[in-house]
């Protein structure tokens, strides 16, 4: 049986939450395969990724979901590359193409053949991504905390309750709220 992936030189992935649309090309830039890579069964996904030639450069846009998919691609022995989604969008518009999953995979699969890496962005290692995620999560929690405090202050003010404490949830403020 002939290996249908034997001539694959590079590819592109349009990553979504449950699947990726994939376009694989040979060294001449001709499409070797277009396929859907389901994400729900990671074991099957890994098995499928291992069918492709080791070290295959695979471009994906740096948008929702790319981190864990790029880690799986790397673990399968390939070279994940990230493209700037805004630059790729401008490229698509300049070509007058509509946005579909298959066409996006086709478009990003062309990028490794570009003479310069104008499209590429840094793929942060997992440790850096984790720190960024923690910082984003903390910032979100601080925003929520501020919203809750402001709502409590507004509720109390609507009922004419004013108290000189600065922190509603600390010390005297907590005791005061329990009395209400």
C-alpha atoms as a PDB file:
ATOM      1  CA  UNK A   1       0.000   0.000   0.000  1.00  0.00           C
ATOM      2  CA  UNK A   2       1.367   3.395  -1.034  1.00  0.00           C
ATOM      3  CA  UNK A   3       1.780   6.015   1.697  1.00  0.00           C
ATOM      4  CA  UNK A   4      -0.473   8.908   0.658  1.00  0.00           C
ATOM      5  CA  UNK A   5       1.560  11.242   2.877  1.00  0.00           C
ATOM      6  CA  UNK A   6       4.966  10.294   1.451  1.00  0.00           C
ATOM      7  CA  UNK A   7       5.359  13.504  -0.540  1.00  0.00           C
ATOM      8  CA  UNK A   8       4.109  15.922   2.150  1.00  0.00           C
ATOM      9  CA  UNK A   9       6.560  18.804   2.671  1.00  0.00           C
ATOM     10  CA  UNK A  10       4.466  21.250   4.717  1.00  0.00           C
ATOM     11  CA  UNK A  11       0.900  22.096   5.637  1.00  0.00           C
ATOM     12  CA  UNK A  12      -1.611  24.355   7.266  1.00  0.00           C
ATOM     13  CA  UNK A  13      -4.283  23.890   9.915  1.00  0.00           C
ATOM     14  CA  UNK A  14      -7.391  25.967  10.529  1.00  0.00           C
ATOM     15  CA  UNK A  15      -7.868  25.186  14.232  1.00  0.00           C
ATOM     16  CA  UNK A  16     -11.274  25.130  15.911  1.00  0.00           C
ATOM     17  CA  UNK A  17     -12.507  23.850  19.248  1.00  0.00           C
ATOM     18  CA  UNK A  18     -13.570  20.359  18.120  1.00  0.00           C
ATOM     19  CA  UNK A  19     -11.637  19.908  14.875  1.00  0.00           C
ATOM     20  CA  UNK A  20      -9.048  21.331  12.504  1.00  0.00           C
ATOM     21  CA  UNK A  21      -9.260  21.608   8.738  1.00  0.00           C
ATOM     22  CA  UNK A  22      -5.899  20.541   7.320  1.00  0.00           C
ATOM     23  CA  UNK A  23      -4.253  21.066   3.942  1.00  0.00           C
ATOM     24  CA  UNK A  24      -0.986  19.245   3.224  1.00  0.00           C
ATOM     25  CA  UNK A  25       1.255  20.162   0.282  1.00  0.00           C
ATOM     26  CA  UNK A  26       4.277  18.691  -1.485  1.00  0.00           C
ATOM     27  CA  UNK A  27       7.541  20.556  -2.137  1.00  0.00           C
ATOM     28  CA  UNK A  28       6.098  22.002  -5.377  1.00  0.00           C
ATOM     29  CA  UNK A  29       3.157  23.487  -3.469  1.00  0.00           C
ATOM     30  CA  UNK A  30       0.566  21.091  -4.853  1.00  0.00           C
ATOM     31  CA  UNK A  31      -2.141  19.852  -2.512  1.00  0.00           C
ATOM     32  CA  UNK A  32      -1.474  16.283  -1.390  1.00  0.00           C
ATOM     33  CA  UNK A  33      -4.378  15.997   1.044  1.00  0.00           C
ATOM     34  CA  UNK A  34      -7.235  17.943   2.576  1.00  0.00           C
ATOM     35  CA  UNK A  35      -8.712  16.459   5.703  1.00  0.00           C
ATOM     36  CA  UNK A  36     -10.579  17.076   8.901  1.00  0.00           C
ATOM     37  CA  UNK A  37      -8.695  16.299  12.091  1.00  0.00           C
ATOM     38  CA  UNK A  38     -11.114  15.652  14.973  1.00  0.00           C
ATOM     39  CA  UNK A  39      -9.935  16.759  18.410  1.00  0.00           C
ATOM     40  CA  UNK A  40     -12.388  14.945  20.661  1.00  0.00           C
ATOM     41  CA  UNK A  41     -10.443  11.675  20.824  1.00  0.00           C
ATOM     42  CA  UNK A  42      -6.869  12.722  21.547  1.00  0.00           C
ATOM     43  CA  UNK A  43      -5.513   9.200  21.084  1.00  0.00           C
ATOM     44  CA  UNK A  44      -6.927   8.987  17.550  1.00  0.00           C
ATOM     45  CA  UNK A  45      -5.730  12.503  16.841  1.00  0.00           C
ATOM     46  CA  UNK A  46      -2.184  11.600  17.877  1.00  0.00           C
ATOM     47  CA  UNK A  47      -2.247   8.442  15.780  1.00  0.00           C
ATOM     48  CA  UNK A  48      -3.344  10.434  12.752  1.00  0.00           C
ATOM     49  CA  UNK A  49      -0.681  13.106  13.258  1.00  0.00           C
ATOM     50  CA  UNK A  50       1.998  10.401  13.350  1.00  0.00           C
ATOM     51  CA  UNK A  51       1.048   9.299   9.811  1.00  0.00           C
ATOM     52  CA  UNK A  52       2.479  12.502   8.395  1.00  0.00           C
ATOM     53  CA  UNK A  53       6.243  12.686   7.661  1.00  0.00           C
ATOM     54  CA  UNK A  54       8.283  13.545  10.760  1.00  0.00           C
ATOM     55  CA  UNK A  55       9.349  17.162  11.001  1.00  0.00           C
ATOM     56  CA  UNK A  56       6.554  18.478   8.777  1.00  0.00           C
ATOM     57  CA  UNK A  57       6.144  22.261   9.256  1.00  0.00           C
ATOM     58  CA  UNK A  58       2.469  22.965  10.033  1.00  0.00           C
ATOM     59  CA  UNK A  59       1.181  26.525  10.155  1.00  0.00           C
ATOM     60  CA  UNK A  60      -1.810  27.487  12.264  1.00  0.00           C
ATOM     61  CA  UNK A  61      -3.240  30.883  13.060  1.00  0.00           C
ATOM     62  CA  UNK A  62      -2.541  32.267  16.527  1.00  0.00           C
ATOM     63  CA  UNK A  63      -6.192  32.366  17.525  1.00  0.00           C
ATOM     64  CA  UNK A  64      -8.421  30.410  19.916  1.00  0.00           C
ATOM     65  CA  UNK A  65      -7.276  26.869  20.679  1.00  0.00           C
ATOM     66  CA  UNK A  66      -3.845  26.865  19.086  1.00  0.00           C
ATOM     67  CA  UNK A  67      -1.708  26.146  22.215  1.00  0.00           C
ATOM     68  CA  UNK A  68      -2.754  22.592  23.007  1.00  0.00           C
ATOM     69  CA  UNK A  69      -3.068  21.674  19.310  1.00  0.00           C
ATOM     70  CA  UNK A  70       0.446  22.957  18.615  1.00  0.00           C
ATOM     71  CA  UNK A  71       1.728  20.933  21.590  1.00  0.00           C
ATOM     72  CA  UNK A  72       0.125  17.790  20.127  1.00  0.00           C
ATOM     73  CA  UNK A  73       1.610  18.563  16.705  1.00  0.00           C
ATOM     74  CA  UNK A  74       5.044  18.986  18.279  1.00  0.00           C
ATOM     75  CA  UNK A  75       4.695  15.798  20.361  1.00  0.00           C
ATOM     76  CA  UNK A  76       3.926  13.919  17.120  1.00  0.00           C
ATOM     77  CA  UNK A  77       7.316  15.019  15.780  1.00  0.00           C
ATOM     78  CA  UNK A  78       6.236  17.927  13.592  1.00  0.00           C
ATOM     79  CA  UNK A  79       7.169  21.607  13.589  1.00  0.00           C
ATOM     80  CA  UNK A  80       4.220  23.827  14.584  1.00  0.00           C
ATOM     81  CA  UNK A  81       4.416  27.415  13.319  1.00  0.00           C
ATOM     82  CA  UNK A  82       2.105  30.291  14.219  1.00  0.00           C
ATOM     83  CA  UNK A  83       0.824  32.900  11.830  1.00  0.00           C
ATOM     84  CA  UNK A  84      -0.500  36.326  12.681  1.00  0.00           C
ATOM     85  CA  UNK A  85      -4.260  35.946  12.191  1.00  0.00           C
ATOM     86  CA  UNK A  86      -4.709  39.622  11.289  1.00  0.00           C
ATOM     87  CA  UNK A  87      -2.071  39.484   8.552  1.00  0.00           C
ATOM     88  CA  UNK A  88      -3.561  36.283   7.163  1.00  0.00           C
ATOM     89  CA  UNK A  89      -7.003  37.920   7.171  1.00  0.00           C
ATOM     90  CA  UNK A  90      -5.605  40.826   5.134  1.00  0.00           C
ATOM     91  CA  UNK A  91      -3.979  38.351   2.740  1.00  0.00           C
ATOM     92  CA  UNK A  92      -7.323  36.589   2.270  1.00  0.00           C
ATOM     93  CA  UNK A  93      -9.136  39.889   1.658  1.00  0.00           C
ATOM     94  CA  UNK A  94      -6.469  41.033  -0.818  1.00  0.00           C
ATOM     95  CA  UNK A  95      -7.071  37.827  -2.787  1.00  0.00           C
ATOM     96  CA  UNK A  96     -10.839  38.342  -2.664  1.00  0.00           C
ATOM     97  CA  UNK A  97     -11.408  35.012  -0.934  1.00  0.00           C
ATOM     98  CA  UNK A  98     -14.318  34.197   1.319  1.00  0.00           C
ATOM     99  CA  UNK A  99     -13.641  32.732   4.741  1.00  0.00           C
ATOM    100  CA  UNK A 100     -14.294  29.006   5.032  1.00  0.00           C
ATOM    101  CA  UNK A 101     -12.482  26.383   7.066  1.00  0.00           C
ATOM    102  CA  UNK A 102     -11.087  24.589   4.022  1.00  0.00           C
ATOM    103  CA  UNK A 103      -9.994  27.820   2.323  1.00  0.00           C
ATOM    104  CA  UNK A 104      -8.336  29.041   5.525  1.00  0.00           C
ATOM    105  CA  UNK A 105      -6.402  25.767   5.766  1.00  0.00           C
ATOM    106  CA  UNK A 106      -5.417  26.133   2.106  1.00  0.00           C
ATOM    107  CA  UNK A 107      -4.273  29.703   2.687  1.00  0.00           C
ATOM    108  CA  UNK A 108      -2.131  29.046   5.773  1.00  0.00           C
ATOM    109  CA  UNK A 109      -0.677  25.950   4.102  1.00  0.00           C
ATOM    110  CA  UNK A 110       0.895  28.270   1.502  1.00  0.00           C
ATOM    111  CA  UNK A 111       2.795  30.298   4.094  1.00  0.00           C
ATOM    112  CA  UNK A 112       5.859  28.039   4.592  1.00  0.00           C
ATOM    113  CA  UNK A 113       6.650  28.526   0.885  1.00  0.00           C
ATOM    114  CA  UNK A 114       6.702  32.334   1.221  1.00  0.00           C
ATOM    115  CA  UNK A 115      10.190  33.827   0.631  1.00  0.00           C
ATOM    116  CA  UNK A 116      10.093  35.642   4.003  1.00  0.00           C
ATOM    117  CA  UNK A 117       8.403  34.899   7.315  1.00  0.00           C
ATOM    118  CA  UNK A 118       6.305  38.098   7.331  1.00  0.00           C
ATOM    119  CA  UNK A 119       3.372  36.092   8.667  1.00  0.00           C
ATOM    120  CA  UNK A 120       5.055  34.333  11.599  1.00  0.00           C
ATOM    121  CA  UNK A 121       4.613  35.128  15.290  1.00  0.00           C
ATOM    122  CA  UNK A 122       6.501  33.716  18.264  1.00  0.00           C
ATOM    123  CA  UNK A 123       5.173  30.462  19.664  1.00  0.00           C
ATOM    124  CA  UNK A 124       5.645  30.867  23.386  1.00  0.00           C
ATOM    125  CA  UNK A 125       6.710  27.742  25.280  1.00  0.00           C
ATOM    126  CA  UNK A 126       4.132  26.118  27.597  1.00  0.00           C
ATOM    127  CA  UNK A 127       5.666  27.669  30.728  1.00  0.00           C
ATOM    128  CA  UNK A 128       5.269  31.190  29.343  1.00  0.00           C
ATOM    129  CA  UNK A 129       1.749  30.426  28.110  1.00  0.00           C
ATOM    130  CA  UNK A 130       0.825  29.147  31.574  1.00  0.00           C
ATOM    131  CA  UNK A 131       2.129  32.308  33.251  1.00  0.00           C
ATOM    132  CA  UNK A 132       0.224  34.462  30.769  1.00  0.00           C
ATOM    133  CA  UNK A 133      -2.933  32.470  31.419  1.00  0.00           C
ATOM    134  CA  UNK A 134      -2.559  32.904  35.189  1.00  0.00           C
ATOM    135  CA  UNK A 135      -2.061  36.645  34.760  1.00  0.00           C
ATOM    136  CA  UNK A 136      -5.130  36.946  32.496  1.00  0.00           C
ATOM    137  CA  UNK A 137      -7.175  34.923  34.988  1.00  0.00           C
ATOM    138  CA  UNK A 138      -6.011  37.071  37.903  1.00  0.00           C
ATOM    139  CA  UNK A 139      -6.801  40.272  35.992  1.00  0.00           C
ATOM    140  CA  UNK A 140     -10.297  38.925  35.232  1.00  0.00           C
ATOM    141  CA  UNK A 141     -10.849  38.129  38.915  1.00  0.00           C
ATOM    142  CA  UNK A 142      -9.742  41.630  39.951  1.00  0.00           C
ATOM    143  CA  UNK A 143     -12.249  43.104  37.480  1.00  0.00           C
ATOM    144  CA  UNK A 144     -15.003  40.878  38.929  1.00  0.00           C
ATOM    145  CA  UNK A 145     -14.032  41.847  42.470  1.00  0.00           C
ATOM    146  CA  UNK A 146     -14.216  45.535  41.580  1.00  0.00           C
ATOM    147  CA  UNK A 147     -17.606  45.059  39.884  1.00  0.00           C
ATOM    148  CA  UNK A 148     -19.020  43.315  42.957  1.00  0.00           C
ATOM    149  CA  UNK A 149     -17.709  45.994  45.318  1.00  0.00           C
ATOM    150  CA  UNK A 150     -19.122  48.760  43.106  1.00  0.00           C
ATOM    151  CA  UNK A 151     -22.513  47.011  42.971  1.00  0.00           C
ATOM    152  CA  UNK A 152     -22.620  46.674  46.763  1.00  0.00           C
ATOM    153  CA  UNK A 153     -21.667  50.351  47.177  1.00  0.00           C
ATOM    154  CA  UNK A 154     -24.371  51.341  44.659  1.00  0.00           C
ATOM    155  CA  UNK A 155     -26.993  49.170  46.359  1.00  0.00           C
ATOM    156  CA  UNK A 156     -26.205  50.643  49.759  1.00  0.00           C
ATOM    157  CA  UNK A 157     -26.198  54.186  48.367  1.00  0.00           C
ATOM    158  CA  UNK A 158     -29.628  53.649  46.735  1.00  0.00           C
ATOM    159  CA  UNK A 159     -30.976  52.859  50.206  1.00  0.00           C
ATOM    160  CA  UNK A 160     -29.236  55.775  51.834  1.00  0.00           C
ATOM    161  CA  UNK A 161     -26.727  53.634  53.703  1.00  0.00           C
ATOM    162  CA  UNK A 162     -23.363  55.344  53.949  1.00  0.00           C
ATOM    163  CA  UNK A 163     -20.451  54.198  56.062  1.00  0.00           C
ATOM    164  CA  UNK A 164     -16.876  55.494  56.108  1.00  0.00           C
ATOM    165  CA  UNK A 165     -15.215  52.077  55.735  1.00  0.00           C
ATOM    166  CA  UNK A 166     -12.970  51.714  52.696  1.00  0.00           C
ATOM    167  CA  UNK A 167     -13.104  47.952  52.238  1.00  0.00           C
ATOM    168  CA  UNK A 168     -16.593  46.458  52.347  1.00  0.00           C
ATOM    169  CA  UNK A 169     -15.232  42.927  52.597  1.00  0.00           C
ATOM    170  CA  UNK A 170     -12.658  43.462  55.311  1.00  0.00           C
ATOM    171  CA  UNK A 171     -12.940  43.956  59.081  1.00  0.00           C
ATOM    172  CA  UNK A 172     -15.815  46.260  60.033  1.00  0.00           C
ATOM    173  CA  UNK A 173     -17.352  46.154  56.534  1.00  0.00           C
ATOM    174  CA  UNK A 174     -18.024  42.413  56.730  1.00  0.00           C
ATOM    175  CA  UNK A 175     -19.664  42.772  60.159  1.00  0.00           C
ATOM    176  CA  UNK A 176     -21.701  45.731  58.930  1.00  0.00           C
ATOM    177  CA  UNK A 177     -23.017  43.771  55.926  1.00  0.00           C
ATOM    178  CA  UNK A 178     -24.017  40.835  58.144  1.00  0.00           C
ATOM    179  CA  UNK A 179     -26.137  43.198  60.245  1.00  0.00           C
ATOM    180  CA  UNK A 180     -28.115  44.355  57.152  1.00  0.00           C
END
